[in-house]
Amino acid sequence: MRSIFFLPPHAKSSFITYTIMKNLVRTSGIVISIALCIAAATLKSHVSPTLCVGCGDCVRICPVSAISLVRGKAVIDAETCIGCKSCNRICSYGAVR
């Protein structure tokens, strides 16, 4: 089975996820939808520093405190982020994607 994936430019870590999942499928014999695993990895938000004005709305709305302000700009901790997109919906400036 061959699949082609189109990933957003910010999803650089998704290639690592793809590689891990591909090896897991190969070694364990379990059929896993690699496309779904990669899609889940790309759900996490990121901040465009040029659009962020540092208002802090995303920091206050994040349910897991994955966002902090560093030098007046929002920064998302990818390890803590659960991909709920609350920050994306609250950002008035379109900085969180």
Protein backbone atom coordinates (compact mmCIF):
# COMPACT_ATOMS: atom_id res chain seq x y z
CA MET A 1 0.00 0.00 0.00
CA ARG A 2 1.39 3.38 -0.99
CA SER A 3 0.25 6.74 0.36
CA ILE A 4 1.14 10.32 -0.44
CA PHE A 5 0.95 12.86 2.36
CA PHE A 6 0.72 16.61 1.98
CA LEU A 7 1.76 18.25 5.23
CA PRO A 8 1.72 21.93 6.17
CA PRO A 9 5.13 23.64 6.25
CA HIS A 10 5.08 24.02 10.05
CA ALA A 11 4.65 20.26 10.54
CA LYS A 12 8.33 19.38 10.41
CA SER A 13 8.02 17.00 13.36
CA SER A 14 5.44 15.00 11.43
CA PHE A 15 8.13 13.32 9.35
CA ILE A 16 9.62 11.94 12.54
CA THR A 17 6.16 10.72 13.59
CA TYR A 18 5.67 9.13 10.17
CA THR A 19 9.00 7.33 10.42
CA ILE A 20 8.26 6.00 13.91
CA MET A 21 4.78 4.82 12.93
CA LYS A 22 6.03 3.23 9.71
CA ASN A 23 8.61 1.25 11.68
CA LEU A 24 6.01 0.29 14.29
CA VAL A 25 3.69 -1.06 11.61
CA ARG A 26 6.52 -2.95 9.95
CA THR A 27 7.85 -4.53 13.15
CA SER A 28 4.64 -5.26 15.02
CA GLY A 29 2.45 -6.37 12.13
CA ILE A 30 -0.42 -4.26 13.49
CA VAL A 31 -2.33 -2.40 10.82
CA ILE A 32 -2.38 1.25 11.80
CA SER A 33 -3.58 4.11 9.68
CA ILE A 34 -0.40 6.10 9.26
CA ALA A 35 -2.35 8.95 7.71
CA LEU A 36 -4.40 9.38 10.88
CA CYS A 37 -1.29 9.33 13.05
CA ILE A 38 0.31 12.04 10.95
CA ALA A 39 -2.88 14.09 10.93
CA ALA A 40 -2.95 13.96 14.73
CA ALA A 41 0.66 15.14 14.88
CA THR A 42 -0.11 18.18 12.73
CA LEU A 43 -3.08 19.35 14.82
CA LYS A 44 -0.93 21.21 17.30
CA SER A 45 -0.95 24.98 17.03
CA HIS A 46 1.92 27.30 16.31
CA VAL A 47 2.33 31.08 16.54
CA SER A 48 3.37 33.43 13.78
CA PRO A 49 5.74 35.86 15.54
CA THR A 50 5.11 38.56 12.95
CA LEU A 51 1.35 38.55 13.62
CA CYS A 52 1.48 38.09 17.41
CA VAL A 53 1.00 41.33 19.36
CA GLY A 54 1.49 39.72 22.78
CA CYS A 55 -2.02 40.41 24.10
CA GLY A 56 -1.99 37.18 26.16
CA ASP A 57 -5.51 36.01 25.28
CA CYS A 58 -4.16 32.63 24.15
CA VAL A 59 -2.15 32.27 27.36
CA ARG A 60 -5.28 32.78 29.47
CA ILE A 61 -7.50 30.42 27.40
CA CYS A 62 -5.11 27.45 27.14
CA PRO A 63 -6.50 24.62 29.30
CA VAL A 64 -3.09 22.98 29.82
CA SER A 65 -0.91 26.12 30.17
CA ALA A 66 1.08 25.23 27.05
CA ILE A 67 1.46 28.89 26.00
CA SER A 68 3.68 31.53 27.53
CA LEU A 69 4.81 35.01 26.53
CA VAL A 70 8.49 35.27 25.71
CA ARG A 71 9.82 38.72 24.82
CA GLY A 72 6.27 39.91 24.20
CA LYS A 73 5.31 37.08 21.84
CA ALA A 74 3.30 33.91 22.46
CA VAL A 75 5.26 30.65 22.41
CA ILE A 76 3.56 27.24 22.42
CA ASP A 77 5.23 24.29 24.12
CA ALA A 78 4.61 21.48 21.62
CA GLU A 79 5.11 18.79 24.26
CA THR A 80 2.34 20.21 26.47
CA CYS A 81 -0.07 21.30 23.71
CA ILE A 82 -3.04 18.94 23.30
CA GLY A 83 -4.19 20.40 19.97
CA CYS A 84 -7.56 21.67 21.20
CA LYS A 85 -7.26 24.87 19.11
CA SER A 86 -8.74 27.09 21.84
CA CYS A 87 -5.88 29.52 21.25
CA ASN A 88 -6.60 29.56 17.53
CA ARG A 89 -10.24 30.50 18.09
CA ILE A 90 -9.48 33.22 20.64
CA CYS A 91 -6.68 34.98 18.70
CA SER A 92 -8.09 38.20 17.22
CA TYR A 93 -4.96 38.76 15.12
CA GLY A 94 -4.76 35.39 13.36
CA ALA A 95 -1.33 34.74 14.84
CA VAL A 96 -2.13 31.26 16.15
CA ARG A 97 -2.63 28.59 13.54
